[in-house]
C-alpha atoms as a PDB file:
ATOM      1  CA  MET A   1      55.369 175.214  71.767  1.00  0.00           C
ATOM      2  CA  HIS A   2      58.883 174.497  70.561  1.00  0.00           C
ATOM      3  CA  ASP A   3      60.251 177.301  72.720  1.00  0.00           C
ATOM      4  CA  ARG A   4      58.732 175.890  75.894  1.00  0.00           C
ATOM      5  CA  LEU A   5      59.956 172.382  75.119  1.00  0.00           C
ATOM      6  CA  ALA A   6      63.429 173.715  74.423  1.00  0.00           C
ATOM      7  CA  HIS A   7      63.432 175.594  77.735  1.00  0.00           C
ATOM      8  CA  ALA A   8      62.308 172.470  79.588  1.00  0.00           C
ATOM      9  CA  LEU A   9      65.016 170.390  77.944  1.00  0.00           C
ATOM     10  CA  VAL A  10      67.696 172.981  78.785  1.00  0.00           C
ATOM     11  CA  ALA A  11      66.450 173.172  82.369  1.00  0.00           C
ATOM     12  CA  ALA A  12      66.551 169.391  82.670  1.00  0.00           C
ATOM     13  CA  THR A  13      70.016 169.263  81.225  1.00  0.00           C
ATOM     14  CA  LEU A  14      71.256 171.914  83.687  1.00  0.00           C
ATOM     15  CA  GLY A  15      69.842 169.993  86.609  1.00  0.00           C
ATOM     16  CA  LEU A  16      67.127 172.485  87.598  1.00  0.00           C
ATOM     17  CA  THR A  17      64.610 170.847  89.913  1.00  0.00           C
ATOM     18  CA  LEU A  18      61.715 173.284  89.732  1.00  0.00           C
ATOM     19  CA  PRO A  19      58.729 171.998  87.820  1.00  0.00           C
ATOM     20  CA  ILE A  20      58.392 173.455  84.336  1.00  0.00           C
ATOM     21  CA  ALA A  21      55.109 173.200  82.411  1.00  0.00           C
ATOM     22  CA  VAL A  22      55.452 172.041  78.754  1.00  0.00           C
ATOM     23  CA  THR A  23      52.621 171.969  76.305  1.00  0.00           C
ATOM     24  CA  ALA A  24      52.044 168.434  74.980  1.00  0.00           C
ATOM     25  CA  PRO A  25      52.241 167.587  71.263  1.00  0.00           C
ATOM     26  CA  ALA A  26      49.230 168.321  69.001  1.00  0.00           C
ATOM     27  CA  VAL A  27      47.934 164.768  69.211  1.00  0.00           C
ATOM     28  CA  ALA A  28      46.819 165.393  72.828  1.00  0.00           C
ATOM     29  CA  THR A  29      44.101 167.715  73.743  1.00  0.00           C
ATOM     30  CA  PRO A  30      45.157 171.394  73.398  1.00  0.00           C
ATOM     31  CA  THR A  31      45.076 171.957  77.135  1.00  0.00           C
ATOM     32  CA  ALA A  32      47.086 168.873  78.125  1.00  0.00           C
ATOM     33  CA  GLN A  33      50.328 169.642  79.973  1.00  0.00           C
ATOM     34  CA  ALA A  34      53.197 167.544  81.230  1.00  0.00           C
ATOM     35  CA  THR A  35      55.530 168.398  84.050  1.00  0.00           C
ATOM     36  CA  VAL A  36      59.258 167.851  83.510  1.00  0.00           C
ATOM     37  CA  ARG A  37      61.423 167.447  86.569  1.00  0.00           C
ATOM     38  CA  ALA A  38      65.179 166.918  86.364  1.00  0.00           C
ATOM     39  CA  PRO A  39      66.451 163.993  88.321  1.00  0.00           C
ATOM     40  CA  GLU A  40      67.879 164.843  91.764  1.00  0.00           C
ATOM     41  CA  ALA A  41      71.547 164.072  91.936  1.00  0.00           C
ATOM     42  CA  ALA A  42      73.044 162.560  95.053  1.00  0.00           C
ATOM     43  CA  VAL A  43      75.776 164.992  96.090  1.00  0.00           C
ATOM     44  CA  PRO A  44      78.420 163.784  98.560  1.00  0.00           C
ATOM     45  CA  LEU A  45      78.428 166.044 101.625  1.00  0.00           C
ATOM     46  CA  MET A  46      81.980 166.291 102.890  1.00  0.00           C
ATOM     47  CA  ASN A  47      82.272 168.853 105.677  1.00  0.00           C
ATOM     48  CA  LEU A  48      84.669 170.693 107.990  1.00  0.00           C
ATOM     49  CA  THR A  49      83.715 171.227 111.646  1.00  0.00           C
ATOM     50  CA  ASN A  50      85.259 171.881 115.094  1.00  0.00           C
ATOM     51  CA  LEU A  51      87.992 174.249 113.897  1.00  0.00           C
ATOM     52  CA  SER A  52      90.467 175.549 116.422  1.00  0.00           C
ATOM     53  CA  LEU A  53      93.797 177.386 116.513  1.00  0.00           C
ATOM     54  CA  ALA A  54      96.280 176.712 119.324  1.00  0.00           C
ATOM     55  CA  ILE A  55      99.269 179.014 119.702  1.00  0.00           C
ATOM     56  CA  THR A  56     102.364 178.536 121.889  1.00  0.00           C
ATOM     57  CA  GLN A  57     105.436 180.740 122.160  1.00  0.00           C
ATOM     58  CA  ALA A  58     108.989 180.129 123.454  1.00  0.00           C
ATOM     59  CA  GLY A  59     111.000 183.285 122.939  1.00  0.00           C
ATOM     60  CA  ASN A  60     111.037 184.119 119.198  1.00  0.00           C
ATOM     61  CA  ASN A  61     109.816 180.651 118.280  1.00  0.00           C
ATOM     62  CA  TRP A  62     106.111 179.992 117.800  1.00  0.00           C
ATOM     63  CA  THR A  63     104.004 176.892 117.137  1.00  0.00           C
ATOM     64  CA  LEU A  64     100.550 177.290 115.659  1.00  0.00           C
ATOM     65  CA  LYS A  65      98.238 174.230 115.326  1.00  0.00           C
ATOM     66  CA  VAL A  66      95.085 174.238 113.253  1.00  0.00           C
ATOM     67  CA  THR A  67      92.727 171.359 114.062  1.00  0.00           C
ATOM     68  CA  THR A  68      89.526 170.357 112.359  1.00  0.00           C
ATOM     69  CA  THR A  69      87.248 167.408 111.911  1.00  0.00           C
ATOM     70  CA  GLU A  70      86.773 166.328 108.278  1.00  0.00           C
ATOM     71  CA  THR A  71      83.502 164.442 107.704  1.00  0.00           C
ATOM     72  CA  PHE A  72      82.808 162.217 104.687  1.00  0.00           C
ATOM     73  CA  THR A  73      79.698 160.296 103.640  1.00  0.00           C
ATOM     74  CA  GLN A  74      79.713 156.534 103.394  1.00  0.00           C
ATOM     75  CA  SER A  75      79.342 156.883  99.665  1.00  0.00           C
ATOM     76  CA  GLU A  76      82.508 158.943  99.494  1.00  0.00           C
ATOM     77  CA  LEU A  77      84.368 156.184 101.297  1.00  0.00           C
ATOM     78  CA  ASN A  78      82.914 153.433  99.137  1.00  0.00           C
ATOM     79  CA  GLN A  79      83.679 155.136  95.891  1.00  0.00           C
ATOM     80  CA  GLN A  80      87.371 155.691  96.812  1.00  0.00           C
ATOM     81  CA  PHE A  81      87.166 159.367  95.981  1.00  0.00           C
ATOM     82  CA  ARG A  82      90.496 161.189  96.268  1.00  0.00           C
ATOM     83  CA  PHE A  83      90.568 164.403  98.283  1.00  0.00           C
ATOM     84  CA  ALA A  84      92.977 167.283  98.759  1.00  0.00           C
ATOM     85  CA  ASP A  85      93.097 169.430 101.827  1.00  0.00           C
ATOM     86  CA  ALA A  86      95.161 172.385 102.949  1.00  0.00           C
ATOM     87  CA  ALA A  87      95.544 174.534 106.009  1.00  0.00           C
ATOM     88  CA  SER A  88      96.896 178.111 106.108  1.00  0.00           C
ATOM     89  CA  ILE A  89      97.716 180.727 108.679  1.00  0.00           C
ATOM     90  CA  PHE A  90      96.484 184.185 107.848  1.00  0.00           C
ATOM     91  CA  GLU A  91      97.072 187.620 109.390  1.00  0.00           C
ATOM     92  CA  ARG A  92      93.822 189.625 109.346  1.00  0.00           C
ATOM     93  CA  ASP A  93      94.244 192.914 107.405  1.00  0.00           C
ATOM     94  CA  THR A  94      90.796 193.655 106.028  1.00  0.00           C
ATOM     95  CA  GLY A  95      89.580 197.075 107.071  1.00  0.00           C
ATOM     96  CA  GLU A  96      93.007 198.345 108.166  1.00  0.00           C
ATOM     97  CA  PRO A  97      94.092 201.777 106.884  1.00  0.00           C
ATOM     98  CA  PHE A  98      96.604 200.056 104.527  1.00  0.00           C
ATOM     99  CA  GLY A  99      94.524 196.872 104.440  1.00  0.00           C
ATOM    100  CA  GLY A 100      93.158 195.046 101.560  1.00  0.00           C
ATOM    101  CA  ALA A 101      93.379 191.255 101.504  1.00  0.00           C
ATOM    102  CA  ASP A 102      94.512 189.202 104.510  1.00  0.00           C
ATOM    103  CA  ASP A 103      98.112 188.078 104.467  1.00  0.00           C
ATOM    104  CA  GLU A 104      98.708 184.312 104.056  1.00  0.00           C
ATOM    105  CA  LEU A 105     101.772 183.604 106.175  1.00  0.00           C
ATOM    106  CA  LEU A 106     102.112 179.841 106.231  1.00  0.00           C
ATOM    107  CA  MET A 107     100.543 176.833 104.396  1.00  0.00           C
ATOM    108  CA  HIS A 108     100.430 173.017 104.380  1.00  0.00           C
ATOM    109  CA  PHE A 109      98.899 171.082 101.523  1.00  0.00           C
ATOM    110  CA  GLU A 110      98.096 167.363 100.994  1.00  0.00           C
ATOM    111  CA  PHE A 111      96.924 166.013  97.665  1.00  0.00           C
ATOM    112  CA  GLY A 112      95.266 162.761  96.697  1.00  0.00           C
ATOM    113  CA  PHE A 113      94.358 161.054 100.011  1.00  0.00           C
ATOM    114  CA  VAL A 114      91.488 158.599 100.270  1.00  0.00           C
ATOM    115  CA  PRO A 115      89.585 158.897 103.592  1.00  0.00           C
ATOM    116  CA  THR A 116      89.234 155.656 105.581  1.00  0.00           C
ATOM    117  CA  ARG A 117      86.630 156.837 108.128  1.00  0.00           C
ATOM    118  CA  THR A 118      83.553 159.023 107.939  1.00  0.00           C
ATOM    119  CA  GLN A 119      85.083 161.361 110.543  1.00  0.00           C
ATOM    120  CA  GLN A 120      88.735 162.108 111.071  1.00  0.00           C
ATOM    121  CA  SER A 121      90.450 164.728 113.176  1.00  0.00           C
ATOM    122  CA  ILE A 122      93.341 166.477 111.378  1.00  0.00           C
ATOM    123  CA  THR A 123      95.934 168.784 112.932  1.00  0.00           C
ATOM    124  CA  TRP A 124      98.436 170.809 110.973  1.00  0.00           C
ATOM    125  CA  THR A 125     101.440 172.135 112.877  1.00  0.00           C
ATOM    126  CA  PHE A 126     103.194 175.330 111.847  1.00  0.00           C
ATOM    127  CA  PRO A 127     106.553 175.998 113.530  1.00  0.00           C
ATOM    128  CA  THR A 128     107.589 179.568 112.806  1.00  0.00           C
ATOM    129  CA  THR A 129     109.362 182.625 114.206  1.00  0.00           C
ATOM    130  CA  SER A 130     108.349 186.052 115.338  1.00  0.00           C
ATOM    131  CA  ASN A 131     109.792 187.508 112.106  1.00  0.00           C
ATOM    132  CA  VAL A 132     107.194 185.677 110.013  1.00  0.00           C
ATOM    133  CA  LEU A 133     104.253 186.579 112.298  1.00  0.00           C
ATOM    134  CA  ASP A 134     105.166 190.224 112.792  1.00  0.00           C
ATOM    135  CA  THR A 135     103.686 191.852 109.728  1.00  0.00           C
ATOM    136  CA  GLU A 136     102.837 195.328 111.077  1.00  0.00           C
ATOM    137  CA  ASP A 137     103.187 197.585 114.096  1.00  0.00           C
ATOM    138  CA  GLY A 138     101.356 196.410 117.188  1.00  0.00           C
ATOM    139  CA  SER A 139      99.558 193.147 117.758  1.00  0.00           C
ATOM    140  CA  GLU A 140      98.648 190.666 115.029  1.00  0.00           C
ATOM    141  CA  ARG A 141      95.269 189.091 114.481  1.00  0.00           C
ATOM    142  CA  ILE A 142      95.916 185.491 113.327  1.00  0.00           C
ATOM    143  CA  TYR A 143      93.471 182.807 112.130  1.00  0.00           C
ATOM    144  CA  GLY A 144      93.710 179.422 110.446  1.00  0.00           C
ATOM    145  CA  ARG A 145      91.799 178.429 107.357  1.00  0.00           C
ATOM    146  CA  VAL A 146      91.176 174.906 106.065  1.00  0.00           C
ATOM    147  CA  LYS A 147      90.270 173.906 102.534  1.00  0.00           C
ATOM    148  CA  LEU A 148      88.830 170.494 101.464  1.00  0.00           C
ATOM    149  CA  ARG A 149      88.121 169.408  97.915  1.00  0.00           C
ATOM    150  CA  ASN A 150      86.997 166.211  96.203  1.00  0.00           C
ATOM    151  CA  VAL A 151      89.555 166.020  93.315  1.00  0.00           C
ATOM    152  CA  THR A 152      87.987 162.896  91.783  1.00  0.00           C
ATOM    153  CA  THR A 153      84.717 164.662  90.958  1.00  0.00           C
ATOM    154  CA  GLY A 154      86.324 168.075  90.454  1.00  0.00           C
ATOM    155  CA  GLY A 155      83.735 169.690  92.694  1.00  0.00           C
ATOM    156  CA  ALA A 156      84.126 173.060  94.363  1.00  0.00           C
ATOM    157  CA  ALA A 157      86.267 173.257  97.497  1.00  0.00           C
ATOM    158  CA  ILE A 158      84.803 174.049 100.825  1.00  0.00           C
ATOM    159  CA  PHE A 159      86.515 176.386 103.324  1.00  0.00           C
ATOM    160  CA  ALA A 160      86.221 176.983 107.035  1.00  0.00           C
ATOM    161  CA  ARG A 161      88.261 179.095 109.412  1.00  0.00           C
ATOM    162  CA  THR A 162      89.164 179.333 113.091  1.00  0.00           C
ATOM    163  CA  PRO A 163      88.312 182.241 115.288  1.00  0.00           C
ATOM    164  CA  ILE A 164      90.801 185.149 115.267  1.00  0.00           C
ATOM    165  CA  SER A 165      93.486 185.090 117.966  1.00  0.00           C
ATOM    166  CA  THR A 166      95.498 188.232 118.877  1.00  0.00           C
ATOM    167  CA  ILE A 167      99.264 187.827 119.445  1.00  0.00           C
ATOM    168  CA  ASP A 168     102.233 190.128 119.983  1.00  0.00           C
ATOM    169  CA  PRO A 169     105.262 188.560 118.229  1.00  0.00           C
END
């Protein structure tokens, strides 16, 4: 009996929401059971949608723009949560003969902003040169990645990325 009760208390503490049967104390009938259910926590649902990558070239100069819509719940606005977001430009290497991890070429980072609307469109602009973008022979496969994190609650970051664009720097 003590083991089941201990398991139910651990499950409730960890936030498990599946019902767990626990045998009642000896004062009740031997077949009496209680169901313990952990309280359901309200989790803010920030989100990243509508990601795009726009690329323009003028000689050896390039401009890459990563755009996304950041969405926040009304409770995230009302609680004045602070967020951090970042955008990066990557060159896709996975699966290449000398591959491995994708190359992060450029990055922008903003820490500690408080959203003022439930949806806001964000654009990061990356001015760069052909030398930065040209990482290997032939064409380059480029994409943008956005990261958003609630730094007040310390929750896990969410990531989203644009489709891959092929360029010849």
